[in-house]
């Protein structure tokens, strides 16, 4: 059995509230620093899963509309908002500048 947490475990983790707050700019810099590592782990997991969805669809020879539908279903099944993922990505990249 893998020691890796599932995406939903990471996303529903109490420390994720710090991540969500960091995205919304309503935390102190200390809390944001603590949550950035968890944010990057979460973001990496989402990106990895989205790449897997994309690759599976491409290997099936599906058209782009089917690929986009599968990606949309991924977000629905995970109960995630794509805009939150984009905002998290933007927030993490700003901290690297």
PDB file of N, CA and C in Angstrom:
ATOM      1  N   UNK A   1       0.843  -1.184   0.000  1.00  0.00           N
ATOM      2  CA  UNK A   1       0.000   0.000   0.000  1.00  0.00           C
ATOM      3  C   UNK A   1       0.885   1.243   0.000  1.00  0.00           C
ATOM      4  N   UNK A   2       0.546   2.200  -0.768  1.00  0.00           N
ATOM      5  CA  UNK A   2       1.335   3.413  -0.924  1.00  0.00           C
ATOM      6  C   UNK A   2       1.141   4.339   0.264  1.00  0.00           C
ATOM      7  N   UNK A   3       2.208   5.054   0.631  1.00  0.00           N
ATOM      8  CA  UNK A   3       2.122   6.038   1.705  1.00  0.00           C
ATOM      9  C   UNK A   3       1.621   7.382   1.204  1.00  0.00           C
ATOM     10  N   UNK A   4       1.448   7.497  -0.115  1.00  0.00           N
ATOM     11  CA  UNK A   4       0.973   8.748  -0.685  1.00  0.00           C
ATOM     12  C   UNK A   4      -0.468   9.004  -0.298  1.00  0.00           C
ATOM     13  N   UNK A   5      -0.764  10.263  -0.014  1.00  0.00           N
ATOM     14  CA  UNK A   5      -2.139  10.637   0.275  1.00  0.00           C
ATOM     15  C   UNK A   5      -2.886  10.790  -1.042  1.00  0.00           C
ATOM     16  N   UNK A   6      -4.152  10.477  -1.000  1.00  0.00           N
ATOM     17  CA  UNK A   6      -4.958  10.695  -2.196  1.00  0.00           C
ATOM     18  C   UNK A   6      -5.164  12.183  -2.368  1.00  0.00           C
ATOM     19  N   UNK A   7      -5.552  12.583  -3.552  1.00  0.00           N
ATOM     20  CA  UNK A   7      -5.788  13.991  -3.840  1.00  0.00           C
ATOM     21  C   UNK A   7      -6.857  14.557  -2.932  1.00  0.00           C
ATOM     22  N   UNK A   8      -7.929  13.795  -2.698  1.00  0.00           N
ATOM     23  CA  UNK A   8      -8.989  14.302  -1.838  1.00  0.00           C
ATOM     24  C   UNK A   8      -8.505  14.445  -0.399  1.00  0.00           C
ATOM     25  N   UNK A   9      -7.615  13.546   0.066  1.00  0.00           N
ATOM     26  CA  UNK A   9      -7.062  13.675   1.408  1.00  0.00           C
ATOM     27  C   UNK A   9      -6.246  14.951   1.542  1.00  0.00           C
ATOM     28  N   UNK A  10      -5.450  15.233   0.541  1.00  0.00           N
ATOM     29  CA  UNK A  10      -4.643  16.456   0.557  1.00  0.00           C
ATOM     30  C   UNK A  10      -5.545  17.672   0.499  1.00  0.00           C
ATOM     31  N   UNK A  11      -6.527  17.622  -0.378  1.00  0.00           N
ATOM     32  CA  UNK A  11      -7.391  18.793  -0.574  1.00  0.00           C
ATOM     33  C   UNK A  11      -8.270  19.043   0.645  1.00  0.00           C
ATOM     34  N   UNK A  12      -8.705  17.994   1.336  1.00  0.00           N
ATOM     35  CA  UNK A  12      -9.586  18.136   2.491  1.00  0.00           C
ATOM     36  C   UNK A  12      -8.835  18.194   3.808  1.00  0.00           C
ATOM     37  N   UNK A  13      -7.530  18.201   3.761  1.00  0.00           N
ATOM     38  CA  UNK A  13      -6.701  18.296   4.935  1.00  0.00           C
ATOM     39  C   UNK A  13      -6.906  19.661   5.593  1.00  0.00           C
ATOM     40  N   UNK A  14      -6.916  19.727   6.946  1.00  0.00           N
ATOM     41  CA  UNK A  14      -7.092  21.024   7.608  1.00  0.00           C
ATOM     42  C   UNK A  14      -6.071  22.068   7.173  1.00  0.00           C
ATOM     43  N   UNK A  15      -4.847  21.636   6.833  1.00  0.00           N
ATOM     44  CA  UNK A  15      -3.852  22.616   6.392  1.00  0.00           C
ATOM     45  C   UNK A  15      -4.221  23.222   5.045  1.00  0.00           C
ATOM     46  N   UNK A  16      -5.138  22.564   4.321  1.00  0.00           N
ATOM     47  CA  UNK A  16      -5.581  23.092   3.039  1.00  0.00           C
ATOM     48  C   UNK A  16      -6.336  24.401   3.212  1.00  0.00           C
ATOM     49  N   UNK A  17      -6.938  24.579   4.383  1.00  0.00           N
ATOM     50  CA  UNK A  17      -7.597  25.861   4.651  1.00  0.00           C
ATOM     51  C   UNK A  17      -6.585  26.997   4.578  1.00  0.00           C
ATOM     52  N   UNK A  18      -5.353  26.736   5.037  1.00  0.00           N
ATOM     53  CA  UNK A  18      -4.296  27.738   4.899  1.00  0.00           C
ATOM     54  C   UNK A  18      -3.996  28.013   3.435  1.00  0.00           C
ATOM     55  N   UNK A  19      -4.014  26.950   2.624  1.00  0.00           N
ATOM     56  CA  UNK A  19      -3.743  27.105   1.196  1.00  0.00           C
ATOM     57  C   UNK A  19      -4.831  27.963   0.559  1.00  0.00           C
ATOM     58  N   UNK A  20      -6.087  27.636   0.870  1.00  0.00           N
ATOM     59  CA  UNK A  20      -7.201  28.405   0.307  1.00  0.00           C
ATOM     60  C   UNK A  20      -7.120  29.859   0.744  1.00  0.00           C
ATOM     61  N   UNK A  21      -6.764  30.078   2.013  1.00  0.00           N
ATOM     62  CA  UNK A  21      -6.626  31.443   2.499  1.00  0.00           C
ATOM     63  C   UNK A  21      -5.461  32.156   1.826  1.00  0.00           C
ATOM     64  N   UNK A  22      -4.375  31.403   1.579  1.00  0.00           N
ATOM     65  CA  UNK A  22      -3.223  31.999   0.901  1.00  0.00           C
ATOM     66  C   UNK A  22      -3.599  32.468  -0.487  1.00  0.00           C
ATOM     67  N   UNK A  23      -4.431  31.668  -1.155  1.00  0.00           N
ATOM     68  CA  UNK A  23      -4.882  32.054  -2.488  1.00  0.00           C
ATOM     69  C   UNK A  23      -5.664  33.349  -2.427  1.00  0.00           C
ATOM     70  N   UNK A  24      -6.443  33.500  -1.368  1.00  0.00           N
ATOM     71  CA  UNK A  24      -7.296  34.681  -1.221  1.00  0.00           C
ATOM     72  C   UNK A  24      -6.596  35.836  -0.507  1.00  0.00           C
ATOM     73  N   UNK A  25      -5.300  35.676  -0.208  1.00  0.00           N
ATOM     74  CA  UNK A  25      -4.486  36.728   0.410  1.00  0.00           C
ATOM     75  C   UNK A  25      -4.996  37.178   1.771  1.00  0.00           C
ATOM     76  N   UNK A  26      -5.557  36.265   2.573  1.00  0.00           N
ATOM     77  CA  UNK A  26      -6.038  36.690   3.884  1.00  0.00           C
ATOM     78  C   UNK A  26      -5.309  35.982   5.021  1.00  0.00           C
ATOM     79  N   UNK A  27      -4.034  35.663   4.823  1.00  0.00           N
ATOM     80  CA  UNK A  27      -3.204  35.049   5.861  1.00  0.00           C
ATOM     81  C   UNK A  27      -1.934  35.845   6.059  1.00  0.00           C
ATOM     82  N   UNK A  28      -1.289  35.603   7.193  1.00  0.00           N
ATOM     83  CA  UNK A  28       0.015  36.218   7.420  1.00  0.00           C
ATOM     84  C   UNK A  28       1.051  35.524   6.559  1.00  0.00           C
ATOM     85  N   UNK A  29       2.184  36.161   6.378  1.00  0.00           N
ATOM     86  CA  UNK A  29       3.232  35.570   5.542  1.00  0.00           C
ATOM     87  C   UNK A  29       3.764  34.278   6.156  1.00  0.00           C
ATOM     88  N   UNK A  30       3.775  34.145   7.486  1.00  0.00           N
ATOM     89  CA  UNK A  30       4.244  32.919   8.119  1.00  0.00           C
ATOM     90  C   UNK A  30       3.340  31.744   7.762  1.00  0.00           C
ATOM     91  N   UNK A  31       2.042  31.946   7.804  1.00  0.00           N
ATOM     92  CA  UNK A  31       1.106  30.885   7.464  1.00  0.00           C
ATOM     93  C   UNK A  31       1.228  30.523   5.995  1.00  0.00           C
ATOM     94  N   UNK A  32       1.428  31.507   5.159  1.00  0.00           N
ATOM     95  CA  UNK A  32       1.569  31.263   3.729  1.00  0.00           C
ATOM     96  C   UNK A  32       2.826  30.441   3.471  1.00  0.00           C
ATOM     97  N   UNK A  33       3.938  30.764   4.154  1.00  0.00           N
ATOM     98  CA  UNK A  33       5.172  29.987   3.989  1.00  0.00           C
ATOM     99  C   UNK A  33       4.966  28.533   4.375  1.00  0.00           C
ATOM    100  N   UNK A  34       4.265  28.289   5.471  1.00  0.00           N
ATOM    101  CA  UNK A  34       3.998  26.925   5.923  1.00  0.00           C
ATOM    102  C   UNK A  34       3.174  26.171   4.895  1.00  0.00           C
ATOM    103  N   UNK A  35       2.226  26.841   4.293  1.00  0.00           N
ATOM    104  CA  UNK A  35       1.302  26.162   3.387  1.00  0.00           C
ATOM    105  C   UNK A  35       1.836  26.020   1.959  1.00  0.00           C
ATOM    106  N   UNK A  36       2.882  26.743   1.601  1.00  0.00           N
ATOM    107  CA  UNK A  36       3.354  26.709   0.222  1.00  0.00           C
ATOM    108  C   UNK A  36       3.846  25.316  -0.185  1.00  0.00           C
ATOM    109  N   UNK A  37       4.521  24.618   0.705  1.00  0.00           N
ATOM    110  CA  UNK A  37       4.986  23.273   0.362  1.00  0.00           C
ATOM    111  C   UNK A  37       3.788  22.363   0.094  1.00  0.00           C
ATOM    112  N   UNK A  38       2.796  22.388   0.977  1.00  0.00           N
ATOM    113  CA  UNK A  38       1.600  21.576   0.777  1.00  0.00           C
ATOM    114  C   UNK A  38       0.861  21.992  -0.490  1.00  0.00           C
ATOM    115  N   UNK A  39       0.866  23.274  -0.779  1.00  0.00           N
ATOM    116  CA  UNK A  39       0.227  23.767  -1.996  1.00  0.00           C
ATOM    117  C   UNK A  39       0.910  23.196  -3.230  1.00  0.00           C
ATOM    118  N   UNK A  40       2.238  23.179  -3.212  1.00  0.00           N
ATOM    119  CA  UNK A  40       2.986  22.667  -4.362  1.00  0.00           C
ATOM    120  C   UNK A  40       2.744  21.176  -4.528  1.00  0.00           C
ATOM    121  N   UNK A  41       2.697  20.442  -3.430  1.00  0.00           N
ATOM    122  CA  UNK A  41       2.418  19.003  -3.483  1.00  0.00           C
ATOM    123  C   UNK A  41       1.035  18.776  -4.091  1.00  0.00           C
ATOM    124  N   UNK A  42       0.064  19.521  -3.615  1.00  0.00           N
ATOM    125  CA  UNK A  42      -1.294  19.404  -4.124  1.00  0.00           C
ATOM    126  C   UNK A  42      -1.344  19.730  -5.617  1.00  0.00           C
ATOM    127  N   UNK A  43      -0.727  20.833  -6.005  1.00  0.00           N
ATOM    128  CA  UNK A  43      -0.728  21.249  -7.404  1.00  0.00           C
ATOM    129  C   UNK A  43      -0.038  20.218  -8.287  1.00  0.00           C
ATOM    130  N   UNK A  44       1.081  19.683  -7.838  1.00  0.00           N
ATOM    131  CA  UNK A  44       1.784  18.650  -8.602  1.00  0.00           C
ATOM    132  C   UNK A  44       0.907  17.427  -8.807  1.00  0.00           C
ATOM    133  N   UNK A  45       0.161  17.057  -7.777  1.00  0.00           N
ATOM    134  CA  UNK A  45      -0.726  15.889  -7.864  1.00  0.00           C
ATOM    135  C   UNK A  45      -1.838  16.145  -8.887  1.00  0.00           C
ATOM    136  N   UNK A  46      -2.430  17.322  -8.867  1.00  0.00           N
ATOM    137  CA  UNK A  46      -3.483  17.665  -9.824  1.00  0.00           C
ATOM    138  C   UNK A  46      -2.934  17.638 -11.245  1.00  0.00           C
ATOM    139  N   UNK A  47      -1.784  18.239 -11.439  1.00  0.00           N
ATOM    140  CA  UNK A  47      -1.182  18.280 -12.777  1.00  0.00           C
ATOM    141  C   UNK A  47      -0.878  16.873 -13.267  1.00  0.00           C
ATOM    142  N   UNK A  48      -0.339  16.045 -12.395  1.00  0.00           N
ATOM    143  CA  UNK A  48      -0.038  14.659 -12.764  1.00  0.00           C
ATOM    144  C   UNK A  48      -1.308  13.917 -13.171  1.00  0.00           C
ATOM    145  N   UNK A  49      -2.364  14.073 -12.398  1.00  0.00           N
ATOM    146  CA  UNK A  49      -3.622  13.396 -12.719  1.00  0.00           C
ATOM    147  C   UNK A  49      -4.235  13.922 -14.019  1.00  0.00           C
ATOM    148  N   UNK A  50      -4.157  15.226 -14.240  1.00  0.00           N
ATOM    149  CA  UNK A  50      -4.682  15.787 -15.489  1.00  0.00           C
ATOM    150  C   UNK A  50      -3.889  15.299 -16.697  1.00  0.00           C
ATOM    151  N   UNK A  51      -2.581  15.186 -16.545  1.00  0.00           N
ATOM    152  CA  UNK A  51      -1.756  14.648 -17.634  1.00  0.00           C
ATOM    153  C   UNK A  51      -2.136  13.204 -17.939  1.00  0.00           C
ATOM    154  N   UNK A  52      -2.401  12.438 -16.895  1.00  0.00           N
ATOM    155  CA  UNK A  52      -2.830  11.053 -17.097  1.00  0.00           C
ATOM    156  C   UNK A  52      -4.155  10.983 -17.848  1.00  0.00           C
ATOM    157  N   UNK A  53      -5.095  11.841 -17.479  1.00  0.00           N
ATOM    158  CA  UNK A  53      -6.393  11.882 -18.182  1.00  0.00           C
ATOM    159  C   UNK A  53      -6.160  12.227 -19.650  1.00  0.00           C
ATOM    160  N   UNK A  54      -5.375  13.264 -19.887  1.00  0.00           N
ATOM    161  CA  UNK A  54      -5.088  13.699 -21.261  1.00  0.00           C
ATOM    162  C   UNK A  54      -4.430  12.578 -22.074  1.00  0.00           C
ATOM    163  N   UNK A  55      -3.389  11.964 -21.500  1.00  0.00           N
ATOM    164  CA  UNK A  55      -2.665  10.910 -22.216  1.00  0.00           C
ATOM    165  C   UNK A  55      -3.549   9.713 -22.540  1.00  0.00           C
ATOM    166  N   UNK A  56      -4.407   9.324 -21.617  1.00  0.00           N
ATOM    167  CA  UNK A  56      -5.319   8.202 -21.868  1.00  0.00           C
ATOM    168  C   UNK A  56      -6.261   8.516 -23.023  1.00  0.00           C
ATOM    169  N   UNK A  57      -6.768   9.729 -23.049  1.00  0.00           N
ATOM    170  CA  UNK A  57      -7.694  10.121 -24.111  1.00  0.00           C
ATOM    171  C   UNK A  57      -6.991  10.195 -25.468  1.00  0.00           C
ATOM    172  N   UNK A  58      -5.784  10.716 -25.481  1.00  0.00           N
ATOM    173  CA  UNK A  58      -5.021  10.808 -26.723  1.00  0.00           C
ATOM    174  C   UNK A  58      -4.696   9.414 -27.240  1.00  0.00           C
ATOM    175  N   UNK A  59      -4.319   8.509 -26.339  1.00  0.00           N
ATOM    176  CA  UNK A  59      -3.991   7.142 -26.747  1.00  0.00           C
ATOM    177  C   UNK A  59      -5.212   6.420 -27.329  1.00  0.00           C
ATOM    178  N   UNK A  60      -6.397   6.819 -26.890  1.00  0.00           N
ATOM    179  CA  UNK A  60      -7.623   6.242 -27.441  1.00  0.00           C
ATOM    180  C   UNK A  60      -7.941   6.831 -28.813  1.00  0.00           C
ATOM    181  N   UNK A  61      -7.234   7.888 -29.186  1.00  0.00           N
ATOM    182  CA  UNK A  61      -7.478   8.550 -30.469  1.00  0.00           C
ATOM    183  C   UNK A  61      -8.696   9.463 -30.448  1.00  0.00           C
ATOM    184  N   UNK A  62      -9.088   9.905 -29.259  1.00  0.00           N
ATOM    185  CA  UNK A  62     -10.273  10.749 -29.132  1.00  0.00           C
ATOM    186  C   UNK A  62     -10.003  12.179 -29.612  1.00  0.00           C
ATOM    187  N   UNK A  63     -11.027  12.824 -30.154  1.00  0.00           N
ATOM    188  CA  UNK A  63     -10.876  14.221 -30.598  1.00  0.00           C
ATOM    189  C   UNK A  63     -10.775  15.158 -29.390  1.00  0.00           C
ATOM    190  N   UNK A  64     -10.347  16.380 -29.648  1.00  0.00           N
ATOM    191  CA  UNK A  64     -10.123  17.355 -28.578  1.00  0.00           C
ATOM    192  C   UNK A  64     -11.391  17.586 -27.759  1.00  0.00           C
ATOM    193  N   UNK A  65     -12.555  17.546 -28.378  1.00  0.00           N
ATOM    194  CA  UNK A  65     -13.798  17.762 -27.621  1.00  0.00           C
ATOM    195  C   UNK A  65     -13.987  16.673 -26.568  1.00  0.00           C
ATOM    196  N   UNK A  66     -13.631  15.453 -26.898  1.00  0.00           N
ATOM    197  CA  UNK A  66     -13.732  14.345 -25.951  1.00  0.00           C
ATOM    198  C   UNK A  66     -12.687  14.479 -24.846  1.00  0.00           C
ATOM    199  N   UNK A  67     -11.514  14.947 -25.213  1.00  0.00           N
ATOM    200  CA  UNK A  67     -10.448  15.154 -24.228  1.00  0.00           C
ATOM    201  C   UNK A  67     -10.869  16.228 -23.227  1.00  0.00           C
ATOM    202  N   UNK A  68     -11.398  17.324 -23.729  1.00  0.00           N
ATOM    203  CA  UNK A  68     -11.848  18.404 -22.847  1.00  0.00           C
ATOM    204  C   UNK A  68     -12.999  17.954 -21.960  1.00  0.00           C
ATOM    205  N   UNK A  69     -13.880  17.140 -22.500  1.00  0.00           N
ATOM    206  CA  UNK A  69     -14.987  16.599 -21.719  1.00  0.00           C
ATOM    207  C   UNK A  69     -14.440  15.735 -20.580  1.00  0.00           C
ATOM    208  N   UNK A  70     -13.455  14.910 -20.865  1.00  0.00           N
ATOM    209  CA  UNK A  70     -12.859  14.048 -19.833  1.00  0.00           C
ATOM    210  C   UNK A  70     -12.175  14.880 -18.750  1.00  0.00           C
ATOM    211  N   UNK A  71     -11.516  15.946 -19.150  1.00  0.00           N
ATOM    212  CA  UNK A  71     -10.883  16.829 -18.173  1.00  0.00           C
ATOM    213  C   UNK A  71     -11.949  17.508 -17.313  1.00  0.00           C
ATOM    214  N   UNK A  72     -13.027  17.941 -17.939  1.00  0.00           N
ATOM    215  CA  UNK A  72     -14.131  18.542 -17.190  1.00  0.00           C
ATOM    216  C   UNK A  72     -14.708  17.535 -16.194  1.00  0.00           C
ATOM    217  N   UNK A  73     -14.869  16.290 -16.620  1.00  0.00           N
ATOM    218  CA  UNK A  73     -15.389  15.247 -15.736  1.00  0.00           C
ATOM    219  C   UNK A  73     -14.441  14.983 -14.569  1.00  0.00           C
ATOM    220  N   UNK A  74     -13.145  15.087 -14.833  1.00  0.00           N
ATOM    221  CA  UNK A  74     -12.161  14.939 -13.761  1.00  0.00           C
ATOM    222  C   UNK A  74     -12.447  15.959 -12.655  1.00  0.00           C
ATOM    223  N   UNK A  75     -12.615  17.222 -13.045  1.00  0.00           N
ATOM    224  CA  UNK A  75     -12.872  18.271 -12.059  1.00  0.00           C
ATOM    225  C   UNK A  75     -14.202  18.052 -11.340  1.00  0.00           C
ATOM    226  N   UNK A  76     -15.205  17.606 -12.065  1.00  0.00           N
ATOM    227  CA  UNK A  76     -16.508  17.343 -11.449  1.00  0.00           C
ATOM    228  C   UNK A  76     -16.401  16.200 -10.449  1.00  0.00           C
ATOM    229  N   UNK A  77     -15.743  15.121 -10.849  1.00  0.00           N
ATOM    230  CA  UNK A  77     -15.609  13.957  -9.961  1.00  0.00           C
ATOM    231  C   UNK A  77     -14.794  14.266  -8.709  1.00  0.00           C
ATOM    232  N   UNK A  78     -13.811  15.129  -8.843  1.00  0.00           N
ATOM    233  CA  UNK A  78     -12.974  15.502  -7.706  1.00  0.00           C
ATOM    234  C   UNK A  78     -13.569  16.670  -6.922  1.00  0.00           C
ATOM    235  N   UNK A  79     -14.678  17.198  -7.423  1.00  0.00           N
ATOM    236  CA  UNK A  79     -15.351  18.353  -6.816  1.00  0.00           C
ATOM    237  C   UNK A  79     -14.373  19.510  -6.638  1.00  0.00           C
ATOM    238  N   UNK A  80     -13.667  19.790  -7.719  1.00  0.00           N
ATOM    239  CA  UNK A  80     -12.698  20.871  -7.718  1.00  0.00           C
ATOM    240  C   UNK A  80     -13.108  21.935  -8.724  1.00  0.00           C
ATOM    241  N   UNK A  81     -12.722  23.141  -8.413  1.00  0.00           N
ATOM    242  CA  UNK A  81     -12.976  24.270  -9.283  1.00  0.00           C
ATOM    243  C   UNK A  81     -11.688  24.581 -10.050  1.00  0.00           C
ATOM    244  N   UNK A  82     -11.720  24.497 -11.386  1.00  0.00           N
ATOM    245  CA  UNK A  82     -10.498  24.768 -12.156  1.00  0.00           C
ATOM    246  C   UNK A  82      -9.896  26.144 -11.871  1.00  0.00           C
ATOM    247  N   UNK A  83     -10.740  27.126 -11.583  1.00  0.00           N
ATOM    248  CA  UNK A  83     -10.233  28.471 -11.295  1.00  0.00           C
ATOM    249  C   UNK A  83      -9.383  28.477 -10.025  1.00  0.00           C
ATOM    250  N   UNK A  84      -9.742  27.654  -9.034  1.00  0.00           N
ATOM    251  CA  UNK A  84      -8.939  27.577  -7.820  1.00  0.00           C
ATOM    252  C   UNK A  84      -7.551  26.999  -8.111  1.00  0.00           C
ATOM    253  N   UNK A  85      -7.499  26.029  -9.006  1.00  0.00           N
ATOM    254  CA  UNK A  85      -6.217  25.428  -9.376  1.00  0.00           C
ATOM    255  C   UNK A  85      -5.358  26.465 -10.098  1.00  0.00           C
ATOM    256  N   UNK A  86      -5.963  27.207 -10.988  1.00  0.00           N
ATOM    257  CA  UNK A  86      -5.241  28.259 -11.718  1.00  0.00           C
ATOM    258  C   UNK A  86      -4.748  29.331 -10.753  1.00  0.00           C
ATOM    259  N   UNK A  87      -5.600  29.745  -9.816  1.00  0.00           N
ATOM    260  CA  UNK A  87      -5.203  30.754  -8.831  1.00  0.00           C
ATOM    261  C   UNK A  87      -4.063  30.260  -7.955  1.00  0.00           C
ATOM    262  N   UNK A  88      -4.108  28.996  -7.571  1.00  0.00           N
ATOM    263  CA  UNK A  88      -3.028  28.420  -6.774  1.00  0.00           C
ATOM    264  C   UNK A  88      -1.725  28.418  -7.571  1.00  0.00           C
ATOM    265  N   UNK A  89      -1.800  28.015  -8.821  1.00  0.00           N
ATOM    266  CA  UNK A  89      -0.623  28.030  -9.693  1.00  0.00           C
ATOM    267  C   UNK A  89      -0.032  29.445  -9.773  1.00  0.00           C
ATOM    268  N   UNK A  90      -0.888  30.428 -10.015  1.00  0.00           N
ATOM    269  CA  UNK A  90      -0.433  31.814 -10.108  1.00  0.00           C
ATOM    270  C   UNK A  90       0.188  32.288  -8.806  1.00  0.00           C
ATOM    271  N   UNK A  91      -0.421  31.932  -7.689  1.00  0.00           N
ATOM    272  CA  UNK A  91       0.089  32.332  -6.378  1.00  0.00           C
ATOM    273  C   UNK A  91       1.470  31.726  -6.124  1.00  0.00           C
ATOM    274  N   UNK A  92       1.635  30.453  -6.442  1.00  0.00           N
ATOM    275  CA  UNK A  92       2.925  29.801  -6.227  1.00  0.00           C
ATOM    276  C   UNK A  92       3.996  30.409  -7.131  1.00  0.00           C
ATOM    277  N   UNK A  93       3.654  30.758  -8.346  1.00  0.00           N
ATOM    278  CA  UNK A  93       4.633  31.348  -9.248  1.00  0.00           C
ATOM    279  C   UNK A  93       5.026  32.755  -8.820  1.00  0.00           C
ATOM    280  N   UNK A  94       4.111  33.497  -8.210  1.00  0.00           N
ATOM    281  CA  UNK A  94       4.446  34.832  -7.725  1.00  0.00           C
ATOM    282  C   UNK A  94       5.452  34.762  -6.597  1.00  0.00           C
ATOM    283  N   UNK A  95       5.385  33.715  -5.770  1.00  0.00           N
ATOM    284  CA  UNK A  95       6.317  33.599  -4.651  1.00  0.00           C
ATOM    285  C   UNK A  95       7.729  33.254  -5.127  1.00  0.00           C
ATOM    286  N   UNK A  96       7.865  32.786  -6.346  1.00  0.00           N
ATOM    287  CA  UNK A  96       9.181  32.425  -6.887  1.00  0.00           C
ATOM    288  C   UNK A  96       9.874  33.589  -7.561  1.00  0.00           C
ATOM    289  N   UNK A  97       9.151  34.630  -7.821  1.00  0.00           N
ATOM    290  CA  UNK A  97       9.724  35.772  -8.552  1.00  0.00           C
ATOM    291  C   UNK A  97      10.622  36.602  -7.669  1.00  0.00           C
TER     292      UNK A  97
END
